[in-house]
Amino acid sequence: MPKRPTERKTERSARRRTRRITCPRCGRVVRYADVSDVPSFPFCSDRCRLVDLDKWFEGEYRISEDISGADGGKRPGGAEKP
């Protein structure tokens, strides 16, 4: 039996409200309605979140630029950074 026009509109609006992310660790696509639906956001799972964290701890990821900025390593007010 064909669906009524109102049923089709409801299905389309439900699809529009669903968002998707791609896990930066494994590439898995996760669909969600609200960020709170994915407790390990932006990762698909706690495992991917922890694997990524471990890569930071092991030094595989690092910030390669000097983050002290153009202020020459001084804090506001002229005090030197330790």
Protein backbone atom coordinates (compact mmCIF):
# COMPACT_ATOMS: atom_id res chain seq x y z
CA MET A 1 0.00 0.00 0.00
CA PRO A 2 1.46 3.46 -0.92
CA LYS A 3 2.34 5.84 1.85
CA ARG A 4 0.32 8.96 2.41
CA PRO A 5 1.96 12.33 1.55
CA THR A 6 2.03 13.30 5.23
CA GLU A 7 3.90 10.09 6.11
CA ARG A 8 6.52 10.82 3.43
CA LYS A 9 7.02 14.37 4.74
CA THR A 10 7.49 13.06 8.27
CA GLU A 11 10.13 10.57 7.11
CA ARG A 12 12.00 13.27 5.15
CA SER A 13 12.00 15.68 8.08
CA ALA A 14 13.27 12.92 10.38
CA ARG A 15 16.15 12.26 7.96
CA ARG A 16 17.03 15.95 7.86
CA ARG A 17 17.29 16.14 11.64
CA THR A 18 19.78 13.30 11.69
CA ARG A 19 23.40 14.41 11.40
CA ARG A 20 26.43 12.35 10.65
CA ILE A 21 30.09 12.43 11.52
CA THR A 22 33.03 10.42 10.33
CA CYS A 23 35.25 9.14 13.12
CA PRO A 24 38.68 10.79 12.74
CA ARG A 25 40.35 7.60 13.97
CA CYS A 26 38.72 4.73 12.02
CA GLY A 27 36.53 6.50 9.45
CA ARG A 28 33.28 4.90 10.60
CA VAL A 29 30.17 7.00 9.89
CA VAL A 30 28.00 7.68 12.94
CA ARG A 31 24.49 9.11 12.61
CA TYR A 32 23.01 11.07 15.50
CA ALA A 33 20.23 13.53 16.27
CA ASP A 34 22.08 15.36 19.04
CA VAL A 35 25.73 15.44 20.11
CA SER A 36 24.72 14.02 23.48
CA ASP A 37 23.71 10.82 21.61
CA VAL A 38 27.42 10.16 20.94
CA PRO A 39 29.22 10.32 24.31
CA SER A 40 32.64 9.89 22.69
CA PHE A 41 32.08 12.71 20.13
CA PRO A 42 33.80 13.29 17.68
CA PHE A 43 34.89 9.65 17.81
CA CYS A 44 32.59 6.69 17.16
CA SER A 45 33.51 4.86 20.37
CA ASP A 46 35.51 5.06 23.58
CA ARG A 47 38.06 2.74 22.01
CA CYS A 48 38.79 5.18 19.15
CA ARG A 49 38.91 8.07 21.62
CA LEU A 50 41.44 6.25 23.79
CA VAL A 51 43.57 5.12 20.83
CA ASP A 52 43.77 8.75 19.71
CA LEU A 53 44.67 9.92 23.22
CA ASP A 54 47.41 7.29 23.40
CA LYS A 55 48.90 8.61 20.15
CA TRP A 56 49.19 12.04 21.77
CA PHE A 57 50.82 10.53 24.88
CA GLU A 58 53.30 8.52 22.79
CA GLY A 59 54.29 11.61 20.81
CA GLU A 60 52.94 10.43 17.46
CA TYR A 61 50.88 13.60 17.31
CA ARG A 62 52.54 16.87 18.20
CA ILE A 63 52.25 20.58 17.64
CA SER A 64 55.14 21.41 15.36
CA GLU A 65 54.97 25.20 15.57
CA ASP A 66 56.25 27.41 18.35
CA ILE A 67 53.06 28.25 20.22
CA SER A 68 54.59 31.07 22.25
CA GLY A 69 53.40 33.42 19.49
CA ALA A 70 54.76 36.74 18.35
CA ASP A 71 55.00 38.14 21.89
CA GLY A 72 58.54 36.76 22.30
CA GLY A 73 57.63 34.48 25.20
CA LYS A 74 56.34 37.24 27.46
CA ARG A 75 53.11 37.27 29.40
CA PRO A 76 50.76 40.24 29.35
CA GLY A 77 52.20 42.95 31.59
CA GLY A 78 55.80 42.23 30.51
CA ALA A 79 56.55 39.30 32.86
CA GLU A 80 58.72 36.49 31.43
CA LYS A 81 57.23 33.03 31.01
CA PRO A 82 58.91 30.40 33.20
